[in-house]
Amino acid sequence: MYNKRKEKKYAEVVEVVEAKTLTDKIREHRERHPNDNNTKKNNKGIVWKKPTQKDKQLKEFYKANVWTSFGSNGWVALPIEDEEQ
């Protein structure tokens, strides 16, 4: 019984691929991607743009508030220097 489990019945799929030379591969790649200059990009992931109004408001918010995790998590407004208690 256990010997029959070990016998595996799978169809063999053989794909015949012609061997290509490196120059053929390069030529085909250039045909597929004509604008590829093969240069590495160092500035991926960062968007260089002018700060928008929303960015300015967020910066002001960070100056006026602080994140606390004591007791209850949340943003707490910092006291303004002009206010006297």
N, C-alpha and C. Protein backbone atom coordinates (compact mmCIF):
# COMPACT_ATOMS: atom_id res chain seq x y z
N MET A 1 0.82 -1.20 0.00
CA MET A 1 0.00 0.00 0.00
C MET A 1 0.87 1.26 0.00
N TYR A 2 1.89 1.29 0.83
CA TYR A 2 2.74 2.47 0.91
C TYR A 2 3.62 2.63 -0.33
N ASN A 3 3.95 1.52 -0.96
CA ASN A 3 4.78 1.60 -2.16
C ASN A 3 4.04 2.29 -3.30
N LYS A 4 2.72 2.13 -3.35
CA LYS A 4 1.95 2.76 -4.41
C LYS A 4 1.87 4.28 -4.23
N ARG A 5 1.95 4.74 -2.98
CA ARG A 5 1.92 6.17 -2.73
C ARG A 5 3.18 6.85 -3.27
N LYS A 6 4.27 6.15 -3.20
CA LYS A 6 5.52 6.74 -3.64
C LYS A 6 5.60 6.87 -5.15
N GLU A 7 4.86 6.05 -5.86
CA GLU A 7 4.85 6.14 -7.31
C GLU A 7 4.08 7.37 -7.73
N LYS A 8 4.73 8.24 -8.43
CA LYS A 8 4.07 9.48 -8.85
C LYS A 8 3.82 9.41 -10.33
N LYS A 9 2.63 9.77 -10.71
CA LYS A 9 2.26 9.73 -12.12
C LYS A 9 2.05 11.15 -12.61
N TYR A 10 3.07 11.71 -13.19
CA TYR A 10 3.00 13.06 -13.72
C TYR A 10 3.38 13.02 -15.20
N ALA A 11 2.78 13.87 -15.95
CA ALA A 11 3.15 13.99 -17.35
C ALA A 11 4.39 14.87 -17.46
N GLU A 12 5.30 14.47 -18.25
CA GLU A 12 6.50 15.26 -18.43
C GLU A 12 6.28 16.31 -19.51
N VAL A 13 6.55 17.55 -19.17
CA VAL A 13 6.40 18.64 -20.11
C VAL A 13 7.81 19.11 -20.47
N VAL A 14 8.13 19.00 -21.71
CA VAL A 14 9.46 19.41 -22.16
C VAL A 14 9.27 20.53 -23.17
N GLU A 15 9.87 21.68 -22.88
CA GLU A 15 9.78 22.82 -23.78
C GLU A 15 11.14 23.01 -24.44
N VAL A 16 11.13 23.00 -25.72
CA VAL A 16 12.37 23.15 -26.46
C VAL A 16 12.60 24.64 -26.71
N VAL A 17 13.72 25.14 -26.20
CA VAL A 17 14.07 26.54 -26.35
C VAL A 17 15.38 26.62 -27.11
N GLU A 18 15.37 27.42 -28.16
CA GLU A 18 16.58 27.57 -28.94
C GLU A 18 17.58 28.44 -28.17
N ALA A 19 18.82 28.05 -28.22
CA ALA A 19 19.86 28.83 -27.56
C ALA A 19 20.12 30.10 -28.37
N LYS A 20 20.18 31.23 -27.64
CA LYS A 20 20.43 32.52 -28.29
C LYS A 20 21.76 33.06 -27.83
N THR A 21 22.41 33.74 -28.71
CA THR A 21 23.66 34.38 -28.32
C THR A 21 23.36 35.67 -27.57
N LEU A 22 24.34 36.16 -26.88
CA LEU A 22 24.17 37.37 -26.10
C LEU A 22 23.88 38.57 -26.99
N THR A 23 24.49 38.63 -28.14
CA THR A 23 24.23 39.75 -29.06
C THR A 23 22.80 39.73 -29.56
N ASP A 24 22.24 38.53 -29.79
CA ASP A 24 20.83 38.43 -30.20
C ASP A 24 19.90 38.90 -29.10
N LYS A 25 20.23 38.53 -27.86
CA LYS A 25 19.40 38.96 -26.72
C LYS A 25 19.44 40.48 -26.57
N ILE A 26 20.61 41.08 -26.73
CA ILE A 26 20.74 42.53 -26.61
C ILE A 26 19.96 43.23 -27.72
N ARG A 27 20.06 42.70 -28.94
CA ARG A 27 19.34 43.30 -30.07
C ARG A 27 17.83 43.22 -29.85
N GLU A 28 17.33 42.08 -29.39
CA GLU A 28 15.89 41.94 -29.13
C GLU A 28 15.44 42.88 -28.02
N HIS A 29 16.28 43.04 -27.00
CA HIS A 29 15.93 43.95 -25.91
C HIS A 29 15.85 45.40 -26.41
N ARG A 30 16.78 45.79 -27.26
CA ARG A 30 16.76 47.15 -27.81
C ARG A 30 15.54 47.38 -28.69
N GLU A 31 15.09 46.35 -29.37
CA GLU A 31 13.87 46.48 -30.18
C GLU A 31 12.64 46.65 -29.30
N ARG A 32 12.62 45.93 -28.19
CA ARG A 32 11.46 46.03 -27.28
C ARG A 32 11.46 47.33 -26.49
N HIS A 33 12.65 47.81 -26.11
CA HIS A 33 12.78 49.01 -25.29
C HIS A 33 13.74 49.99 -25.97
N PRO A 34 13.28 50.75 -26.93
CA PRO A 34 14.19 51.63 -27.67
C PRO A 34 14.74 52.80 -26.84
N ASN A 35 14.02 53.23 -25.81
CA ASN A 35 14.46 54.39 -25.02
C ASN A 35 15.27 54.00 -23.79
N ASP A 36 15.58 52.73 -23.64
CA ASP A 36 16.32 52.26 -22.48
C ASP A 36 17.80 52.59 -22.66
N ASN A 37 18.34 53.42 -21.76
CA ASN A 37 19.75 53.81 -21.83
C ASN A 37 20.62 52.98 -20.91
N ASN A 38 20.00 52.07 -20.15
CA ASN A 38 20.71 51.20 -19.21
C ASN A 38 21.49 52.00 -18.18
N THR A 39 20.85 53.05 -17.64
CA THR A 39 21.47 53.85 -16.58
C THR A 39 20.70 53.62 -15.29
N LYS A 40 21.41 53.51 -14.19
CA LYS A 40 20.80 53.26 -12.90
C LYS A 40 20.26 54.57 -12.32
N LYS A 41 19.05 54.54 -11.80
CA LYS A 41 18.44 55.73 -11.21
C LYS A 41 18.70 55.71 -9.70
N ASN A 42 19.31 56.78 -9.19
CA ASN A 42 19.61 56.86 -7.77
C ASN A 42 18.52 57.57 -6.98
N ASN A 43 17.65 58.31 -7.64
CA ASN A 43 16.66 59.12 -6.93
C ASN A 43 15.27 58.51 -7.01
N LYS A 44 15.17 57.18 -6.97
CA LYS A 44 13.86 56.54 -7.03
C LYS A 44 13.11 56.73 -5.72
N GLY A 45 11.81 56.92 -5.80
CA GLY A 45 10.97 56.95 -4.62
C GLY A 45 10.76 58.32 -4.01
N ILE A 46 11.51 59.31 -4.38
CA ILE A 46 11.37 60.64 -3.81
C ILE A 46 10.82 61.57 -4.87
N VAL A 47 9.77 62.29 -4.52
CA VAL A 47 9.19 63.24 -5.45
C VAL A 47 9.70 64.63 -5.09
N TRP A 48 10.44 65.22 -6.00
CA TRP A 48 10.97 66.56 -5.76
C TRP A 48 9.97 67.56 -6.33
N LYS A 49 9.28 68.26 -5.44
CA LYS A 49 8.28 69.23 -5.86
C LYS A 49 8.31 70.41 -4.90
N LYS A 50 7.64 71.45 -5.31
CA LYS A 50 7.52 72.62 -4.44
C LYS A 50 6.53 72.28 -3.32
N PRO A 51 6.77 72.81 -2.11
CA PRO A 51 5.83 72.54 -1.03
C PRO A 51 4.48 73.19 -1.32
N THR A 52 3.42 72.43 -1.18
CA THR A 52 2.08 72.94 -1.42
C THR A 52 1.53 73.58 -0.15
N GLN A 53 0.34 74.12 -0.24
CA GLN A 53 -0.30 74.74 0.92
C GLN A 53 -0.54 73.69 2.01
N LYS A 54 -0.90 72.49 1.61
CA LYS A 54 -1.14 71.42 2.58
C LYS A 54 0.15 71.06 3.32
N ASP A 55 1.28 71.04 2.61
CA ASP A 55 2.56 70.76 3.26
C ASP A 55 2.90 71.83 4.29
N LYS A 56 2.62 73.08 3.96
CA LYS A 56 2.88 74.19 4.88
C LYS A 56 1.99 74.08 6.12
N GLN A 57 0.71 73.73 5.93
CA GLN A 57 -0.20 73.58 7.06
C GLN A 57 0.24 72.43 7.96
N LEU A 58 0.71 71.34 7.34
CA LEU A 58 1.17 70.20 8.12
C LEU A 58 2.41 70.55 8.94
N LYS A 59 3.29 71.33 8.38
CA LYS A 59 4.49 71.75 9.09
C LYS A 59 4.12 72.63 10.30
N GLU A 60 3.17 73.53 10.11
CA GLU A 60 2.69 74.38 11.22
C GLU A 60 2.01 73.54 12.29
N PHE A 61 1.28 72.50 11.86
CA PHE A 61 0.60 71.63 12.81
C PHE A 61 1.62 70.90 13.68
N TYR A 62 2.70 70.42 13.07
CA TYR A 62 3.73 69.72 13.83
C TYR A 62 4.43 70.65 14.81
N LYS A 63 4.55 71.94 14.49
CA LYS A 63 5.16 72.89 15.40
C LYS A 63 4.26 73.16 16.60
N ALA A 64 2.93 73.16 16.38
CA ALA A 64 1.99 73.53 17.42
C ALA A 64 1.47 72.35 18.22
N ASN A 65 1.72 71.12 17.78
CA ASN A 65 1.18 69.94 18.46
C ASN A 65 2.27 68.90 18.65
N VAL A 66 2.01 67.99 19.57
CA VAL A 66 2.94 66.91 19.84
C VAL A 66 2.14 65.62 20.03
N TRP A 67 2.71 64.49 19.57
CA TRP A 67 2.05 63.20 19.73
C TRP A 67 2.40 62.63 21.09
N THR A 68 1.38 62.19 21.84
CA THR A 68 1.62 61.62 23.15
C THR A 68 1.09 60.20 23.17
N SER A 69 1.75 59.36 23.95
CA SER A 69 1.29 57.99 24.13
C SER A 69 1.15 57.66 25.60
N PHE A 70 0.99 58.69 26.43
CA PHE A 70 0.80 58.48 27.87
C PHE A 70 -0.69 58.39 28.16
N GLY A 71 -1.13 57.23 28.59
CA GLY A 71 -2.56 57.07 28.90
C GLY A 71 -3.39 56.91 27.65
N SER A 72 -3.54 57.97 26.90
CA SER A 72 -4.31 57.88 25.66
C SER A 72 -3.46 58.46 24.53
N ASN A 73 -3.42 57.74 23.44
CA ASN A 73 -2.64 58.20 22.30
C ASN A 73 -3.37 59.32 21.58
N GLY A 74 -2.62 60.29 21.11
CA GLY A 74 -3.25 61.35 20.34
C GLY A 74 -2.36 62.58 20.27
N TRP A 75 -2.83 63.54 19.48
CA TRP A 75 -2.12 64.80 19.33
C TRP A 75 -2.57 65.76 20.41
N VAL A 76 -1.63 66.42 21.06
CA VAL A 76 -1.92 67.38 22.12
C VAL A 76 -1.33 68.72 21.69
N ALA A 77 -2.16 69.77 21.81
CA ALA A 77 -1.69 71.10 21.43
C ALA A 77 -0.71 71.61 22.46
N LEU A 78 0.40 72.17 22.01
CA LEU A 78 1.37 72.77 22.90
C LEU A 78 0.85 74.12 23.36
N PRO A 79 1.14 74.50 24.60
CA PRO A 79 0.68 75.81 25.07
C PRO A 79 1.38 76.94 24.31
N ILE A 80 0.61 77.94 24.00
CA ILE A 80 1.15 79.11 23.29
C ILE A 80 1.87 79.99 24.30
N GLU A 81 3.00 80.58 23.90
CA GLU A 81 3.80 81.38 24.83
C GLU A 81 3.07 82.63 25.29
N ASP A 82 2.16 83.17 24.49
CA ASP A 82 1.45 84.39 24.88
C ASP A 82 0.41 84.14 25.96
N GLU A 83 -0.07 82.90 26.06
CA GLU A 83 -1.09 82.61 27.08
C GLU A 83 -0.46 82.56 28.46
N GLU A 84 -1.15 83.14 29.42
CA GLU A 84 -0.70 83.07 30.80
C GLU A 84 -1.78 82.38 31.60
N GLN A 85 -1.35 81.47 32.46
CA GLN A 85 -2.35 80.73 33.24
C GLN A 85 -2.53 81.29 34.61
